[in-house]
Amino acid sequence: MKTLQNNCIIAAKNEIASLYLGLLNAKVTDTVIITPDSIRTRIKRKKIHVPRCTGGLYSPLLSIEAGAIEVMKQMARIRASLTPSDGLRLINSSIVGTEAQEDLIDWKQKYSHIRDNVDQVGATLRSDV
């Protein structure tokens, strides 16, 4: 009796997954792939709702990212690639006194586990490099 009940549940889940997958394929672009197994797993775990699908926290420096990448690419073109430390100094010097600096301080106060230097962002670029 229990095996019959389990088989019925599995068959129902398979049917739901195939119907739901058909609806998704009608609405979702080609870049998103949702397999029936992932639907079954969500049903099994009773976690149907996805609360957030951003992949993590948003960067507080997202507003200056494109400009910083362009500077780094240009530096690489002239064969003066930046080390990670130089990249940090470049970013820090470019956010001094801007809204991005305030956003970064707020973000660090909210999410940083180390409270030593939360307010110390935006140091000036060293000229001896």
N, C-alpha and C. Protein backbone atom coordinates (compact mmCIF):
# COMPACT_ATOMS: atom_id res chain seq x y z
N MET A 1 0.82 -1.19 0.00
CA MET A 1 0.00 0.00 0.00
C MET A 1 0.87 1.26 0.00
N LYS A 2 1.93 1.23 0.82
CA LYS A 2 2.80 2.39 0.93
C LYS A 2 3.55 2.62 -0.39
N THR A 3 3.97 1.53 -1.05
CA THR A 3 4.67 1.65 -2.33
C THR A 3 3.76 2.26 -3.39
N LEU A 4 2.50 1.85 -3.41
CA LEU A 4 1.53 2.41 -4.35
C LEU A 4 1.34 3.90 -4.11
N GLN A 5 1.26 4.29 -2.85
CA GLN A 5 1.09 5.70 -2.51
C GLN A 5 2.33 6.50 -2.94
N ASN A 6 3.53 5.98 -2.68
CA ASN A 6 4.75 6.66 -3.10
C ASN A 6 4.82 6.79 -4.62
N ASN A 7 4.44 5.74 -5.34
CA ASN A 7 4.44 5.80 -6.80
C ASN A 7 3.45 6.84 -7.32
N CYS A 8 2.31 6.95 -6.67
CA CYS A 8 1.33 7.96 -7.07
C CYS A 8 1.86 9.37 -6.81
N ILE A 9 2.52 9.54 -5.70
CA ILE A 9 3.10 10.86 -5.39
C ILE A 9 4.17 11.21 -6.41
N ILE A 10 5.04 10.26 -6.73
CA ILE A 10 6.09 10.50 -7.71
C ILE A 10 5.49 10.82 -9.08
N ALA A 11 4.46 10.08 -9.47
CA ALA A 11 3.81 10.34 -10.76
C ALA A 11 3.18 11.74 -10.78
N ALA A 12 2.58 12.12 -9.68
CA ALA A 12 1.97 13.46 -9.60
C ALA A 12 3.03 14.54 -9.68
N LYS A 13 4.14 14.34 -8.99
CA LYS A 13 5.23 15.32 -9.04
C LYS A 13 5.82 15.42 -10.44
N ASN A 14 5.96 14.28 -11.10
CA ASN A 14 6.47 14.29 -12.47
C ASN A 14 5.52 15.04 -13.40
N GLU A 15 4.24 14.84 -13.21
CA GLU A 15 3.26 15.53 -14.05
C GLU A 15 3.29 17.04 -13.79
N ILE A 16 3.36 17.41 -12.52
CA ILE A 16 3.45 18.84 -12.18
C ILE A 16 4.72 19.45 -12.77
N ALA A 17 5.83 18.72 -12.65
CA ALA A 17 7.10 19.24 -13.18
C ALA A 17 7.03 19.42 -14.69
N SER A 18 6.45 18.47 -15.39
CA SER A 18 6.38 18.59 -16.85
C SER A 18 5.43 19.71 -17.27
N LEU A 19 4.30 19.87 -16.58
CA LEU A 19 3.39 20.97 -16.88
C LEU A 19 4.03 22.32 -16.58
N TYR A 20 4.68 22.41 -15.42
CA TYR A 20 5.32 23.66 -15.03
C TYR A 20 6.46 24.00 -15.98
N LEU A 21 7.22 22.98 -16.39
CA LEU A 21 8.32 23.21 -17.32
C LEU A 21 7.79 23.72 -18.66
N GLY A 22 6.65 23.22 -19.10
CA GLY A 22 6.04 23.72 -20.33
C GLY A 22 5.66 25.18 -20.22
N LEU A 23 5.12 25.58 -19.07
CA LEU A 23 4.78 26.99 -18.84
C LEU A 23 6.03 27.86 -18.81
N LEU A 24 7.07 27.36 -18.16
CA LEU A 24 8.31 28.13 -18.07
C LEU A 24 8.95 28.32 -19.44
N ASN A 25 8.97 27.27 -20.23
CA ASN A 25 9.59 27.37 -21.54
C ASN A 25 8.87 28.37 -22.43
N ALA A 26 7.58 28.57 -22.19
CA ALA A 26 6.84 29.54 -22.97
C ALA A 26 7.19 30.97 -22.57
N LYS A 27 7.62 31.17 -21.32
CA LYS A 27 7.87 32.52 -20.81
C LYS A 27 9.35 32.87 -20.68
N VAL A 28 10.22 31.89 -20.47
CA VAL A 28 11.62 32.14 -20.14
C VAL A 28 12.47 32.15 -21.40
N THR A 29 13.50 32.97 -21.39
CA THR A 29 14.41 33.04 -22.53
C THR A 29 15.28 31.79 -22.59
N ASP A 30 16.07 31.68 -23.64
CA ASP A 30 16.92 30.51 -23.83
C ASP A 30 18.08 30.44 -22.85
N THR A 31 18.40 31.51 -22.18
CA THR A 31 19.55 31.51 -21.28
C THR A 31 19.25 30.86 -19.94
N VAL A 32 17.99 30.71 -19.58
CA VAL A 32 17.62 30.11 -18.31
C VAL A 32 17.18 28.67 -18.56
N ILE A 33 17.82 27.75 -17.84
CA ILE A 33 17.47 26.33 -17.99
C ILE A 33 17.00 25.83 -16.63
N ILE A 34 15.76 25.40 -16.57
CA ILE A 34 15.21 24.83 -15.35
C ILE A 34 14.82 23.39 -15.68
N THR A 35 15.49 22.47 -15.04
CA THR A 35 15.24 21.06 -15.32
C THR A 35 14.09 20.54 -14.46
N PRO A 36 13.43 19.48 -14.91
CA PRO A 36 12.38 18.88 -14.07
C PRO A 36 12.93 18.38 -12.72
N ASP A 37 14.20 17.95 -12.70
CA ASP A 37 14.78 17.50 -11.43
C ASP A 37 14.85 18.63 -10.41
N SER A 38 15.19 19.83 -10.86
CA SER A 38 15.25 20.94 -9.91
C SER A 38 13.86 21.29 -9.39
N ILE A 39 12.84 21.16 -10.23
CA ILE A 39 11.47 21.41 -9.77
C ILE A 39 11.06 20.35 -8.75
N ARG A 40 11.38 19.08 -9.03
CA ARG A 40 11.06 18.01 -8.08
C ARG A 40 11.76 18.22 -6.74
N THR A 41 13.02 18.64 -6.81
CA THR A 41 13.78 18.86 -5.58
C THR A 41 13.16 19.97 -4.75
N ARG A 42 12.74 21.04 -5.40
CA ARG A 42 12.10 22.14 -4.67
C ARG A 42 10.79 21.68 -4.03
N ILE A 43 10.02 20.87 -4.76
CA ILE A 43 8.77 20.36 -4.20
C ILE A 43 9.06 19.44 -3.02
N LYS A 44 10.08 18.60 -3.16
CA LYS A 44 10.44 17.66 -2.10
C LYS A 44 10.89 18.40 -0.83
N ARG A 45 11.65 19.46 -1.01
CA ARG A 45 12.13 20.25 0.14
C ARG A 45 11.09 21.24 0.66
N LYS A 46 9.99 21.36 -0.07
CA LYS A 46 8.93 22.31 0.26
C LYS A 46 9.46 23.74 0.24
N LYS A 47 10.32 24.03 -0.72
CA LYS A 47 10.90 25.36 -0.90
C LYS A 47 10.55 25.85 -2.31
N ILE A 48 9.29 26.08 -2.55
CA ILE A 48 8.83 26.48 -3.88
C ILE A 48 9.23 27.93 -4.17
N HIS A 49 9.10 28.80 -3.18
CA HIS A 49 9.34 30.22 -3.37
C HIS A 49 10.84 30.52 -3.29
N VAL A 50 11.36 31.25 -4.27
CA VAL A 50 12.76 31.68 -4.26
C VAL A 50 12.76 33.13 -3.79
N PRO A 51 13.23 33.41 -2.57
CA PRO A 51 13.13 34.76 -2.03
C PRO A 51 14.01 35.77 -2.73
N ARG A 52 15.15 35.34 -3.24
CA ARG A 52 16.09 36.28 -3.84
C ARG A 52 16.91 35.52 -4.87
N CYS A 53 17.05 36.06 -6.01
CA CYS A 53 17.85 35.39 -7.03
C CYS A 53 18.91 36.32 -7.60
N THR A 54 19.51 37.14 -6.74
CA THR A 54 20.54 38.06 -7.18
C THR A 54 21.91 37.43 -7.13
N GLY A 55 22.04 36.30 -6.45
CA GLY A 55 23.35 35.68 -6.35
C GLY A 55 24.18 36.27 -5.23
N GLY A 56 23.63 37.10 -4.41
CA GLY A 56 24.38 37.69 -3.32
C GLY A 56 24.08 39.16 -3.15
N LEU A 57 24.94 39.82 -2.42
CA LEU A 57 24.76 41.24 -2.16
C LEU A 57 25.18 42.07 -3.37
N TYR A 58 24.56 43.21 -3.53
CA TYR A 58 24.97 44.14 -4.56
C TYR A 58 26.19 44.90 -4.09
N SER A 59 27.09 45.20 -5.01
CA SER A 59 28.28 45.96 -4.68
C SER A 59 27.91 47.41 -4.42
N PRO A 60 28.45 48.01 -3.35
CA PRO A 60 28.17 49.43 -3.12
C PRO A 60 28.91 50.32 -4.12
N LEU A 61 29.86 49.76 -4.84
CA LEU A 61 30.64 50.53 -5.81
C LEU A 61 30.21 50.24 -7.25
N LEU A 62 29.03 49.73 -7.41
CA LEU A 62 28.53 49.39 -8.75
C LEU A 62 28.46 50.61 -9.66
N SER A 63 28.23 51.78 -9.08
CA SER A 63 28.10 52.99 -9.88
C SER A 63 29.41 53.42 -10.53
N ILE A 64 30.55 53.06 -9.94
CA ILE A 64 31.83 53.47 -10.53
C ILE A 64 32.57 52.32 -11.19
N GLU A 65 31.97 51.14 -11.19
CA GLU A 65 32.64 49.94 -11.71
C GLU A 65 33.02 50.06 -13.17
N ALA A 66 32.12 50.54 -14.00
CA ALA A 66 32.39 50.62 -15.44
C ALA A 66 33.56 51.55 -15.73
N GLY A 67 33.60 52.68 -15.05
CA GLY A 67 34.70 53.63 -15.25
C GLY A 67 36.03 53.07 -14.79
N ALA A 68 36.03 52.37 -13.67
CA ALA A 68 37.26 51.78 -13.14
C ALA A 68 37.77 50.70 -14.08
N ILE A 69 36.88 49.91 -14.63
CA ILE A 69 37.29 48.85 -15.56
C ILE A 69 37.89 49.45 -16.83
N GLU A 70 37.30 50.54 -17.31
CA GLU A 70 37.85 51.20 -18.50
C GLU A 70 39.26 51.73 -18.24
N VAL A 71 39.49 52.30 -17.05
CA VAL A 71 40.83 52.79 -16.71
C VAL A 71 41.81 51.63 -16.65
N MET A 72 41.40 50.52 -16.04
CA MET A 72 42.28 49.35 -15.93
C MET A 72 42.59 48.76 -17.30
N LYS A 73 41.59 48.72 -18.18
CA LYS A 73 41.82 48.21 -19.53
C LYS A 73 42.78 49.12 -20.30
N GLN A 74 42.61 50.42 -20.14
CA GLN A 74 43.49 51.37 -20.82
C GLN A 74 44.93 51.24 -20.30
N MET A 75 45.07 51.07 -18.99
CA MET A 75 46.41 50.87 -18.42
C MET A 75 47.05 49.61 -18.98
N ALA A 76 46.28 48.55 -19.15
CA ALA A 76 46.81 47.32 -19.72
C ALA A 76 47.21 47.52 -21.18
N ARG A 77 46.46 48.33 -21.92
CA ARG A 77 46.79 48.60 -23.32
C ARG A 77 48.14 49.30 -23.47
N ILE A 78 48.47 50.16 -22.50
CA ILE A 78 49.75 50.87 -22.58
C ILE A 78 50.84 50.12 -21.81
N ARG A 79 50.57 48.85 -21.53
CA ARG A 79 51.53 47.95 -20.87
C ARG A 79 51.93 48.43 -19.47
N ALA A 80 50.98 48.99 -18.76
CA ALA A 80 51.19 49.40 -17.37
C ALA A 80 50.09 48.79 -16.51
N SER A 81 49.99 47.46 -16.55
CA SER A 81 48.94 46.77 -15.82
C SER A 81 49.01 47.07 -14.33
N LEU A 82 47.86 47.08 -13.72
CA LEU A 82 47.76 47.37 -12.29
C LEU A 82 47.81 46.08 -11.48
N THR A 83 48.52 46.13 -10.38
CA THR A 83 48.49 45.02 -9.43
C THR A 83 47.19 45.15 -8.63
N PRO A 84 46.80 44.11 -7.91
CA PRO A 84 45.59 44.24 -7.08
C PRO A 84 45.68 45.41 -6.09
N SER A 85 46.85 45.62 -5.51
CA SER A 85 47.00 46.75 -4.58
C SER A 85 46.83 48.08 -5.29
N ASP A 86 47.40 48.19 -6.50
CA ASP A 86 47.24 49.42 -7.27
C ASP A 86 45.77 49.64 -7.65
N GLY A 87 45.08 48.56 -7.97
CA GLY A 87 43.66 48.67 -8.30
C GLY A 87 42.85 49.18 -7.13
N LEU A 88 43.16 48.67 -5.93
CA LEU A 88 42.47 49.15 -4.74
C LEU A 88 42.76 50.63 -4.49
N ARG A 89 44.01 51.02 -4.67
CA ARG A 89 44.36 52.43 -4.47
C ARG A 89 43.66 53.32 -5.50
N LEU A 90 43.56 52.83 -6.73
CA LEU A 90 42.86 53.59 -7.78
C LEU A 90 41.40 53.80 -7.40
N ILE A 91 40.73 52.73 -6.99
CA ILE A 91 39.32 52.83 -6.60
C ILE A 91 39.18 53.75 -5.39
N ASN A 92 40.02 53.56 -4.39
CA ASN A 92 39.93 54.38 -3.18
C ASN A 92 40.13 55.86 -3.49
N SER A 93 41.08 56.16 -4.39
CA SER A 93 41.32 57.57 -4.71
C SER A 93 40.19 58.17 -5.54
N SER A 94 39.50 57.33 -6.30
CA SER A 94 38.44 57.87 -7.15
C SER A 94 37.12 58.06 -6.41
N ILE A 95 36.97 57.50 -5.22
CA ILE A 95 35.69 57.65 -4.50
C ILE A 95 35.75 58.68 -3.39
N VAL A 96 36.90 59.29 -3.16
CA VAL A 96 37.03 60.27 -2.06
C VAL A 96 36.04 61.41 -2.26
N GLY A 97 35.21 61.64 -1.25
CA GLY A 97 34.26 62.75 -1.26
C GLY A 97 33.05 62.54 -2.15
N THR A 98 32.80 61.33 -2.59
CA THR A 98 31.66 61.08 -3.48
C THR A 98 30.58 60.30 -2.74
N GLU A 99 29.46 60.15 -3.42
CA GLU A 99 28.36 59.36 -2.85
C GLU A 99 28.74 57.89 -2.75
N ALA A 100 29.62 57.43 -3.66
CA ALA A 100 30.07 56.04 -3.63
C ALA A 100 30.82 55.75 -2.33
N GLN A 101 31.58 56.72 -1.83
CA GLN A 101 32.29 56.54 -0.57
C GLN A 101 31.30 56.39 0.58
N GLU A 102 30.27 57.20 0.58
CA GLU A 102 29.25 57.10 1.63
C GLU A 102 28.52 55.76 1.55
N ASP A 103 28.22 55.31 0.33
CA ASP A 103 27.56 54.01 0.15
C ASP A 103 28.44 52.88 0.66
N LEU A 104 29.75 52.96 0.39
CA LEU A 104 30.68 51.93 0.84
C LEU A 104 30.78 51.91 2.37
N ILE A 105 30.82 53.07 2.99
CA ILE A 105 30.87 53.13 4.45
C ILE A 105 29.60 52.53 5.05
N ASP A 106 28.45 52.88 4.50
CA ASP A 106 27.18 52.31 4.98
C ASP A 106 27.17 50.79 4.83
N TRP A 107 27.64 50.31 3.67
CA TRP A 107 27.68 48.87 3.40
C TRP A 107 28.60 48.17 4.39
N LYS A 108 29.79 48.75 4.64
CA LYS A 108 30.73 48.13 5.58
C LYS A 108 30.17 48.11 6.99
N GLN A 109 29.46 49.17 7.38
CA GLN A 109 28.87 49.19 8.72
C GLN A 109 27.80 48.12 8.87
N LYS A 110 27.11 47.85 7.80
CA LYS A 110 26.02 46.87 7.85
C LYS A 110 26.53 45.43 7.76
N TYR A 111 27.52 45.15 6.89
CA TYR A 111 27.90 43.78 6.58
C TYR A 111 29.28 43.35 7.06
N SER A 112 30.13 44.26 7.49
CA SER A 112 31.49 43.89 7.87
C SER A 112 31.52 43.24 9.24
N HIS A 113 32.29 42.16 9.34
CA HIS A 113 32.43 41.48 10.63
C HIS A 113 33.57 42.07 11.44
N ILE A 114 34.49 42.77 10.76
CA ILE A 114 35.62 43.40 11.43
C ILE A 114 35.28 44.88 11.56
N ARG A 115 35.19 45.36 12.76
CA ARG A 115 34.74 46.73 13.01
C ARG A 115 35.89 47.72 13.19
N ASP A 116 37.14 47.30 12.94
CA ASP A 116 38.29 48.17 13.19
C ASP A 116 38.33 49.40 12.28
N ASN A 117 38.17 49.19 10.98
CA ASN A 117 38.36 50.30 10.03
C ASN A 117 37.13 50.53 9.16
N VAL A 118 35.98 50.46 9.74
CA VAL A 118 34.74 50.59 8.98
C VAL A 118 34.63 51.95 8.30
N ASP A 119 35.06 52.99 8.96
CA ASP A 119 34.94 54.34 8.40
C ASP A 119 36.15 54.76 7.57
N GLN A 120 37.13 53.90 7.43
CA GLN A 120 38.35 54.25 6.70
C GLN A 120 38.30 53.70 5.28
N VAL A 121 37.65 54.41 4.42
CA VAL A 121 37.63 54.06 3.00
C VAL A 121 37.93 55.32 2.20
N GLY A 122 38.47 55.11 1.00
CA GLY A 122 38.75 56.24 0.14
C GLY A 122 40.09 56.88 0.40
N ALA A 123 41.10 56.06 0.74
CA ALA A 123 42.43 56.61 0.97
C ALA A 123 42.99 57.15 -0.35
N THR A 124 43.90 58.11 -0.27
CA THR A 124 44.46 58.71 -1.48
C THR A 124 45.48 57.78 -2.12
N LEU A 125 45.64 57.90 -3.42
CA LEU A 125 46.57 57.08 -4.19
C LEU A 125 47.98 57.51 -3.87
N ARG A 126 48.83 56.54 -3.57
CA ARG A 126 50.23 56.87 -3.27
C ARG A 126 50.95 57.27 -4.54
N SER A 127 51.79 58.27 -4.47
CA SER A 127 52.50 58.75 -5.67
C SER A 127 53.89 58.14 -5.80
N ASP A 128 54.32 57.34 -4.81
CA ASP A 128 55.66 56.77 -4.89
C ASP A 128 55.71 55.43 -5.61
N VAL A 129 54.62 55.00 -6.19
CA VAL A 129 54.55 53.72 -6.88
C VAL A 129 55.07 53.85 -8.29
